[in-house]
Amino acid sequence: WLDLTVHGRAAHAESADRSVNPVDATLGLLPA
């Protein structure tokens, strides 16, 4: 068992297009 922690940049959802959502980044690791 391991805990994988992916970091993002906390922000208002209004600026989602200009920030980094760690959930999206985590999904990007699924192919690997």
ModelCIF file with pLDDT and N, C-alpha, C, O atoms, coordinates in Angstrom:
data_MODEL
#
_entry.id   MODEL 
#
_entity.id                         1 
_entity.type                       polymer 
_entity.pdbx_number_of_molecules   1 
#
_entity_poly.entity_id                      1 
_entity_poly.type                           'polypeptide(L)' 
_entity_poly.nstd_linkage                   no 
_entity_poly.nstd_monomer                   no 
_entity_poly.pdbx_seq_one_letter_code       WLDLTVHGRAAHAESADRSVNPVDATLGLLPA 
_entity_poly.pdbx_seq_one_letter_code_can   WLDLTVHGRAAHAESADRSVNPVDATLGLLPA 
_entity_poly.pdbx_strand_id                 A 
#
loop_
_entity_poly_seq.entity_id 
_entity_poly_seq.num 
_entity_poly_seq.mon_id 
_entity_poly_seq.hetero 
1 1  TRP n 
1 2  LEU n 
1 3  ASP n 
1 4  LEU n 
1 5  THR n 
1 6  VAL n 
1 7  HIS n 
1 8  GLY n 
1 9  ARG n 
1 10 ALA n 
1 11 ALA n 
1 12 HIS n 
1 13 ALA n 
1 14 GLU n 
1 15 SER n 
1 16 ALA n 
1 17 ASP n 
1 18 ARG n 
1 19 SER n 
1 20 VAL n 
1 21 ASN n 
1 22 PRO n 
1 23 VAL n 
1 24 ASP n 
1 25 ALA n 
1 26 THR n 
1 27 LEU n 
1 28 GLY n 
1 29 LEU n 
1 30 LEU n 
1 31 PRO n 
1 32 ALA n 
#
_struct_asym.id          A 
_struct_asym.entity_id   1 
#
loop_
_ma_qa_metric.id 
_ma_qa_metric.mode 
_ma_qa_metric.name 
_ma_qa_metric.software_group_id 
_ma_qa_metric.type 
1 global pLDDT . pLDDT 
2 local  pLDDT . pLDDT 
#
_ma_qa_metric_global.metric_id      1 
_ma_qa_metric_global.metric_value   94.72 
_ma_qa_metric_global.model_id       1 
_ma_qa_metric_global.ordinal_id     1 
#
loop_
_ma_qa_metric_local.label_asym_id 
_ma_qa_metric_local.label_comp_id 
_ma_qa_metric_local.label_seq_id 
_ma_qa_metric_local.metric_id 
_ma_qa_metric_local.metric_value 
_ma_qa_metric_local.model_id 
_ma_qa_metric_local.ordinal_id 
A TRP 1  2 98.00 1 1  
A LEU 2  2 98.00 1 2  
A ASP 3  2 98.00 1 3  
A LEU 4  2 98.00 1 4  
A THR 5  2 98.00 1 5  
A VAL 6  2 98.00 1 6  
A HIS 7  2 97.00 1 7  
A GLY 8  2 95.00 1 8  
A ARG 9  2 94.00 1 9  
A ALA 10 2 93.00 1 10 
A ALA 11 2 93.00 1 11 
A HIS 12 2 95.00 1 12 
A ALA 13 2 93.00 1 13 
A GLU 14 2 93.00 1 14 
A SER 15 2 91.00 1 15 
A ALA 16 2 88.00 1 16 
A ASP 17 2 89.00 1 17 
A ARG 18 2 89.00 1 18 
A SER 19 2 90.00 1 19 
A VAL 20 2 92.00 1 20 
A ASN 21 2 95.00 1 21 
A PRO 22 2 95.00 1 22 
A VAL 23 2 96.00 1 23 
A ASP 24 2 95.00 1 24 
A ALA 25 2 95.00 1 25 
A THR 26 2 96.00 1 26 
A LEU 27 2 95.00 1 27 
A GLY 28 2 95.00 1 28 
A LEU 29 2 97.00 1 29 
A LEU 30 2 97.00 1 30 
A PRO 31 2 97.00 1 31 
A ALA 32 2 98.00 1 32 
#
loop_
_atom_site.group_PDB 
_atom_site.id 
_atom_site.type_symbol 
_atom_site.label_atom_id 
_atom_site.label_alt_id 
_atom_site.label_comp_id 
_atom_site.label_asym_id 
_atom_site.label_entity_id 
_atom_site.label_seq_id 
_atom_site.pdbx_PDB_ins_code 
_atom_site.Cartn_x 
_atom_site.Cartn_y 
_atom_site.Cartn_z 
_atom_site.occupancy 
_atom_site.B_iso_or_equiv 
_atom_site.pdbx_formal_charge 
_atom_site.auth_seq_id 
_atom_site.auth_comp_id 
_atom_site.auth_asym_id 
_atom_site.auth_atom_id 
_atom_site.pdbx_PDB_model_num 
ATOM 1   N N  . TRP A 1 1  ? 0.846   -1.190 0.000   1.00 98.00 ? 1  TRP A N  1 
ATOM 2   C CA . TRP A 1 1  ? 0.000   0.000  0.000   1.00 98.00 ? 1  TRP A CA 1 
ATOM 3   C C  . TRP A 1 1  ? 0.882   1.241  0.000   1.00 98.00 ? 1  TRP A C  1 
ATOM 4   O O  . TRP A 1 1  ? 1.879   1.306  0.719   1.00 98.00 ? 1  TRP A O  1 
ATOM 5   N N  . LEU A 1 2  ? 0.510   2.213  -0.803  1.00 98.00 ? 2  LEU A N  1 
ATOM 6   C CA . LEU A 1 2  ? 1.196   3.501  -0.853  1.00 98.00 ? 2  LEU A CA 1 
ATOM 7   C C  . LEU A 1 2  ? 0.169   4.619  -0.944  1.00 98.00 ? 2  LEU A C  1 
ATOM 8   O O  . LEU A 1 2  ? -0.921  4.430  -1.485  1.00 98.00 ? 2  LEU A O  1 
ATOM 9   N N  . ASP A 1 3  ? 0.522   5.781  -0.415  1.00 98.00 ? 3  ASP A N  1 
ATOM 10  C CA . ASP A 1 3  ? -0.273  6.993  -0.630  1.00 98.00 ? 3  ASP A CA 1 
ATOM 11  C C  . ASP A 1 3  ? 0.429   7.848  -1.674  1.00 98.00 ? 3  ASP A C  1 
ATOM 12  O O  . ASP A 1 3  ? 1.580   8.247  -1.495  1.00 98.00 ? 3  ASP A O  1 
ATOM 13  N N  . LEU A 1 4  ? -0.271  8.124  -2.759  1.00 98.00 ? 4  LEU A N  1 
ATOM 14  C CA . LEU A 1 4  ? 0.228   8.982  -3.830  1.00 98.00 ? 4  LEU A CA 1 
ATOM 15  C C  . LEU A 1 4  ? -0.419  10.352 -3.686  1.00 98.00 ? 4  LEU A C  1 
ATOM 16  O O  . LEU A 1 4  ? -1.641  10.475 -3.775  1.00 98.00 ? 4  LEU A O  1 
ATOM 17  N N  . THR A 1 5  ? 0.387   11.372 -3.466  1.00 98.00 ? 5  THR A N  1 
ATOM 18  C CA . THR A 1 5  ? -0.124  12.736 -3.299  1.00 98.00 ? 5  THR A CA 1 
ATOM 19  C C  . THR A 1 5  ? 0.330   13.590 -4.482  1.00 98.00 ? 5  THR A C  1 
ATOM 20  O O  . THR A 1 5  ? 1.523   13.720 -4.756  1.00 98.00 ? 5  THR A O  1 
ATOM 21  N N  . VAL A 1 6  ? -0.648  14.166 -5.170  1.00 98.00 ? 6  VAL A N  1 
ATOM 22  C CA . VAL A 1 6  ? -0.389  15.017 -6.329  1.00 98.00 ? 6  VAL A CA 1 
ATOM 23  C C  . VAL A 1 6  ? -0.733  16.450 -5.953  1.00 98.00 ? 6  VAL A C  1 
ATOM 24  O O  . VAL A 1 6  ? -1.811  16.714 -5.419  1.00 98.00 ? 6  VAL A O  1 
ATOM 25  N N  . HIS A 1 7  ? 0.168   17.365 -6.224  1.00 97.00 ? 7  HIS A N  1 
ATOM 26  C CA . HIS A 1 7  ? 0.011   18.754 -5.799  1.00 97.00 ? 7  HIS A CA 1 
ATOM 27  C C  . HIS A 1 7  ? -0.608  19.604 -6.908  1.00 97.00 ? 7  HIS A C  1 
ATOM 28  O O  . HIS A 1 7  ? -0.364  19.392 -8.096  1.00 97.00 ? 7  HIS A O  1 
ATOM 29  N N  . GLY A 1 8  ? -1.405  20.562 -6.483  1.00 95.00 ? 8  GLY A N  1 
ATOM 30  C CA . GLY A 1 8  ? -1.992  21.526 -7.409  1.00 95.00 ? 8  GLY A CA 1 
ATOM 31  C C  . GLY A 1 8  ? -1.782  22.936 -6.895  1.00 95.00 ? 8  GLY A C  1 
ATOM 32  O O  . GLY A 1 8  ? -0.886  23.180 -6.087  1.00 95.00 ? 8  GLY A O  1 
ATOM 33  N N  . ARG A 1 9  ? -2.609  23.870 -7.362  1.00 94.00 ? 9  ARG A N  1 
ATOM 34  C CA . ARG A 1 9  ? -2.555  25.254 -6.891  1.00 94.00 ? 9  ARG A CA 1 
ATOM 35  C C  . ARG A 1 9  ? -3.958  25.659 -6.477  1.00 94.00 ? 9  ARG A C  1 
ATOM 36  O O  . ARG A 1 9  ? -4.842  25.810 -7.320  1.00 94.00 ? 9  ARG A O  1 
ATOM 37  N N  . ALA A 1 10 ? -4.163  25.834 -5.170  1.00 93.00 ? 10 ALA A N  1 
ATOM 38  C CA . ALA A 1 10 ? -5.486  26.176 -4.667  1.00 93.00 ? 10 ALA A CA 1 
ATOM 39  C C  . ALA A 1 10 ? -5.935  27.524 -5.197  1.00 93.00 ? 10 ALA A C  1 
ATOM 40  O O  . ALA A 1 10 ? -5.152  28.472 -5.257  1.00 93.00 ? 10 ALA A O  1 
ATOM 41  N N  . ALA A 1 11 ? -7.196  27.600 -5.578  1.00 93.00 ? 11 ALA A N  1 
ATOM 42  C CA . ALA A 1 11 ? -7.713  28.851 -6.148  1.00 93.00 ? 11 ALA A CA 1 
ATOM 43  C C  . ALA A 1 11 ? -9.230  28.781 -6.218  1.00 93.00 ? 11 ALA A C  1 
ATOM 44  O O  . ALA A 1 11 ? -9.823  27.724 -6.003  1.00 93.00 ? 11 ALA A O  1 
ATOM 45  N N  . HIS A 1 12 ? -9.854  29.917 -6.522  1.00 95.00 ? 12 HIS A N  1 
ATOM 46  C CA . HIS A 1 12 ? -11.274 29.972 -6.793  1.00 95.00 ? 12 HIS A CA 1 
ATOM 47  C C  . HIS A 1 12 ? -11.538 29.241 -8.112  1.00 95.00 ? 12 HIS A C  1 
ATOM 48  O O  . HIS A 1 12 ? -10.722 29.293 -9.032  1.00 95.00 ? 12 HIS A O  1 
ATOM 49  N N  . ALA A 1 13 ? -12.666 28.570 -8.194  1.00 93.00 ? 13 ALA A N  1 
ATOM 50  C CA . ALA A 1 13 ? -12.992 27.845 -9.422  1.00 93.00 ? 13 ALA A CA 1 
ATOM 51  C C  . ALA A 1 13 ? -13.101 28.776 -10.618 1.00 93.00 ? 13 ALA A C  1 
ATOM 52  O O  . ALA A 1 13 ? -12.977 28.331 -11.759 1.00 93.00 ? 13 ALA A O  1 
ATOM 53  N N  . GLU A 1 14 ? -13.331 30.064 -10.374 1.00 93.00 ? 14 GLU A N  1 
ATOM 54  C CA . GLU A 1 14 ? -13.404 31.046 -11.460 1.00 93.00 ? 14 GLU A CA 1 
ATOM 55  C C  . GLU A 1 14 ? -12.121 31.087 -12.278 1.00 93.00 ? 14 GLU A C  1 
ATOM 56  O O  . GLU A 1 14 ? -12.132 31.397 -13.469 1.00 93.00 ? 14 GLU A O  1 
ATOM 57  N N  . SER A 1 15 ? -10.996 30.761 -11.602 1.00 91.00 ? 15 SER A N  1 
ATOM 58  C CA . SER A 1 15 ? -9.705  30.814 -12.287 1.00 91.00 ? 15 SER A CA 1 
ATOM 59  C C  . SER A 1 15 ? -9.184  29.436 -12.656 1.00 91.00 ? 15 SER A C  1 
ATOM 60  O O  . SER A 1 15 ? -7.978  29.257 -12.828 1.00 91.00 ? 15 SER A O  1 
ATOM 61  N N  . ALA A 1 16 ? -10.080 28.455 -12.780 1.00 88.00 ? 16 ALA A N  1 
ATOM 62  C CA . ALA A 1 16 ? -9.655  27.085 -13.053 1.00 88.00 ? 16 ALA A CA 1 
ATOM 63  C C  . ALA A 1 16 ? -8.830  26.977 -14.322 1.00 88.00 ? 16 ALA A C  1 
ATOM 64  O O  . ALA A 1 16 ? -7.908  26.165 -14.398 1.00 88.00 ? 16 ALA A O  1 
ATOM 65  N N  . ASP A 1 17 ? -9.156  27.795 -15.327 1.00 89.00 ? 17 ASP A N  1 
ATOM 66  C CA . ASP A 1 17 ? -8.416  27.709 -16.587 1.00 89.00 ? 17 ASP A CA 1 
ATOM 67  C C  . ASP A 1 17 ? -7.004  28.267 -16.464 1.00 89.00 ? 17 ASP A C  1 
ATOM 68  O O  . ASP A 1 17 ? -6.173  28.053 -17.346 1.00 89.00 ? 17 ASP A O  1 
ATOM 69  N N  . ARG A 1 18 ? -6.724  28.987 -15.369 1.00 89.00 ? 18 ARG A N  1 
ATOM 70  C CA . ARG A 1 18 ? -5.413  29.599 -15.187 1.00 89.00 ? 18 ARG A CA 1 
ATOM 71  C C  . ARG A 1 18 ? -4.650  28.993 -14.002 1.00 89.00 ? 18 ARG A C  1 
ATOM 72  O O  . ARG A 1 18 ? -3.615  29.515 -13.589 1.00 89.00 ? 18 ARG A O  1 
ATOM 73  N N  . SER A 1 19 ? -5.168  27.899 -13.470 1.00 90.00 ? 19 SER A N  1 
ATOM 74  C CA . SER A 1 19 ? -4.533  27.263 -12.315 1.00 90.00 ? 19 SER A CA 1 
ATOM 75  C C  . SER A 1 19 ? -4.297  25.782 -12.619 1.00 90.00 ? 19 SER A C  1 
ATOM 76  O O  . SER A 1 19 ? -4.408  25.349 -13.766 1.00 90.00 ? 19 SER A O  1 
ATOM 77  N N  . VAL A 1 20 ? -3.975  25.021 -11.590 1.00 92.00 ? 20 VAL A N  1 
ATOM 78  C CA . VAL A 1 20 ? -3.682  23.592 -11.755 1.00 92.00 ? 20 VAL A CA 1 
ATOM 79  C C  . VAL A 1 20 ? -4.534  22.803 -10.759 1.00 92.00 ? 20 VAL A C  1 
ATOM 80  O O  . VAL A 1 20 ? -4.409  22.952 -9.543  1.00 92.00 ? 20 VAL A O  1 
ATOM 81  N N  . ASN A 1 21 ? -5.395  21.968 -11.311 1.00 95.00 ? 21 ASN A N  1 
ATOM 82  C CA . ASN A 1 21 ? -6.243  21.127 -10.466 1.00 95.00 ? 21 ASN A CA 1 
ATOM 83  C C  . ASN A 1 21 ? -5.540  19.786 -10.251 1.00 95.00 ? 21 ASN A C  1 
ATOM 84  O O  . ASN A 1 21 ? -5.270  19.082 -11.224 1.00 95.00 ? 21 ASN A O  1 
ATOM 85  N N  . PRO A 1 22 ? -5.237  19.413 -9.007  1.00 95.00 ? 22 PRO A N  1 
ATOM 86  C CA . PRO A 1 22 ? -4.512  18.154 -8.766  1.00 95.00 ? 22 PRO A CA 1 
ATOM 87  C C  . PRO A 1 22 ? -5.325  16.913 -9.120  1.00 95.00 ? 22 PRO A C  1 
ATOM 88  O O  . PRO A 1 22 ? -4.761  15.850 -9.379  1.00 95.00 ? 22 PRO A O  1 
ATOM 89  N N  . VAL A 1 23 ? -6.653  17.050 -9.130  1.00 96.00 ? 23 VAL A N  1 
ATOM 90  C CA . VAL A 1 23 ? -7.479  15.912 -9.549  1.00 96.00 ? 23 VAL A CA 1 
ATOM 91  C C  . VAL A 1 23 ? -7.231  15.623 -11.029 1.00 96.00 ? 23 VAL A C  1 
ATOM 92  O O  . VAL A 1 23 ? -7.040  14.473 -11.425 1.00 96.00 ? 23 VAL A O  1 
ATOM 93  N N  . ASP A 1 24 ? -7.236  16.683 -11.838 1.00 95.00 ? 24 ASP A N  1 
ATOM 94  C CA . ASP A 1 24 ? -6.927  16.506 -13.260 1.00 95.00 ? 24 ASP A CA 1 
ATOM 95  C C  . ASP A 1 24 ? -5.533  15.922 -13.439 1.00 95.00 ? 24 ASP A C  1 
ATOM 96  O O  . ASP A 1 24 ? -5.327  15.038 -14.270 1.00 95.00 ? 24 ASP A O  1 
ATOM 97  N N  . ALA A 1 25 ? -4.582  16.413 -12.665 1.00 95.00 ? 25 ALA A N  1 
ATOM 98  C CA . ALA A 1 25 ? -3.205  15.924 -12.785 1.00 95.00 ? 25 ALA A CA 1 
ATOM 99  C C  . ALA A 1 25 ? -3.113  14.445 -12.399 1.00 95.00 ? 25 ALA A C  1 
ATOM 100 O O  . ALA A 1 25 ? -2.370  13.682 -13.017 1.00 95.00 ? 25 ALA A O  1 
ATOM 101 N N  . THR A 1 26 ? -3.868  14.050 -11.379 1.00 96.00 ? 26 THR A N  1 
ATOM 102 C CA . THR A 1 26 ? -3.881  12.644 -10.973 1.00 96.00 ? 26 THR A CA 1 
ATOM 103 C C  . THR A 1 26 ? -4.413  11.762 -12.093 1.00 96.00 ? 26 THR A C  1 
ATOM 104 O O  . THR A 1 26 ? -3.848  10.707 -12.382 1.00 96.00 ? 26 THR A O  1 
ATOM 105 N N  . LEU A 1 27 ? -5.497  12.194 -12.721 1.00 95.00 ? 27 LEU A N  1 
ATOM 106 C CA . LEU A 1 27 ? -6.052  11.421 -13.834 1.00 95.00 ? 27 LEU A CA 1 
ATOM 107 C C  . LEU A 1 27 ? -5.040  11.282 -14.970 1.00 95.00 ? 27 LEU A C  1 
ATOM 108 O O  . LEU A 1 27 ? -5.035  10.285 -15.693 1.00 95.00 ? 27 LEU A O  1 
ATOM 109 N N  . GLY A 1 28 ? -4.197  12.278 -15.113 1.00 95.00 ? 28 GLY A N  1 
ATOM 110 C CA . GLY A 1 28 ? -3.178  12.213 -16.144 1.00 95.00 ? 28 GLY A CA 1 
ATOM 111 C C  . GLY A 1 28 ? -2.123  11.153 -15.894 1.00 95.00 ? 28 GLY A C  1 
ATOM 112 O O  . GLY A 1 28 ? -1.396  10.771 -16.811 1.00 95.00 ? 28 GLY A O  1 
ATOM 113 N N  . LEU A 1 29 ? -2.030  10.669 -14.648 1.00 97.00 ? 29 LEU A N  1 
ATOM 114 C CA . LEU A 1 29 ? -1.069  9.619  -14.316 1.00 97.00 ? 29 LEU A CA 1 
ATOM 115 C C  . LEU A 1 29 ? -1.612  8.215  -14.546 1.00 97.00 ? 29 LEU A C  1 
ATOM 116 O O  . LEU A 1 29 ? -0.860  7.242  -14.482 1.00 97.00 ? 29 LEU A O  1 
ATOM 117 N N  . LEU A 1 30 ? -2.915  8.099  -14.816 1.00 97.00 ? 30 LEU A N  1 
ATOM 118 C CA . LEU A 1 30 ? -3.526  6.779  -14.945 1.00 97.00 ? 30 LEU A CA 1 
ATOM 119 C C  . LEU A 1 30 ? -2.904  5.923  -16.050 1.00 97.00 ? 30 LEU A C  1 
ATOM 120 O O  . LEU A 1 30 ? -2.681  4.734  -15.824 1.00 97.00 ? 30 LEU A O  1 
ATOM 121 N N  . PRO A 1 31 ? -2.617  6.469  -17.224 1.00 97.00 ? 31 PRO A N  1 
ATOM 122 C CA . PRO A 1 31 ? -1.987  5.609  -18.241 1.00 97.00 ? 31 PRO A CA 1 
ATOM 123 C C  . PRO A 1 31 ? -0.675  4.993  -17.762 1.00 97.00 ? 31 PRO A C  1 
ATOM 124 O O  . PRO A 1 31 ? -0.392  3.832  -18.058 1.00 97.00 ? 31 PRO A O  1 
ATOM 125 N N  . ALA A 1 32 ? 0.124   5.756  -17.028 1.00 98.00 ? 32 ALA A N  1 
ATOM 126 C CA . ALA A 1 32 ? 1.382   5.213  -16.522 1.00 98.00 ? 32 ALA A CA 1 
ATOM 127 C C  . ALA A 1 32 ? 1.128   4.114  -15.500 1.00 98.00 ? 32 ALA A C  1 
ATOM 128 O O  . ALA A 1 32 ? 2.075   3.538  -14.964 1.00 98.00 ? 32 ALA A O  1 
#
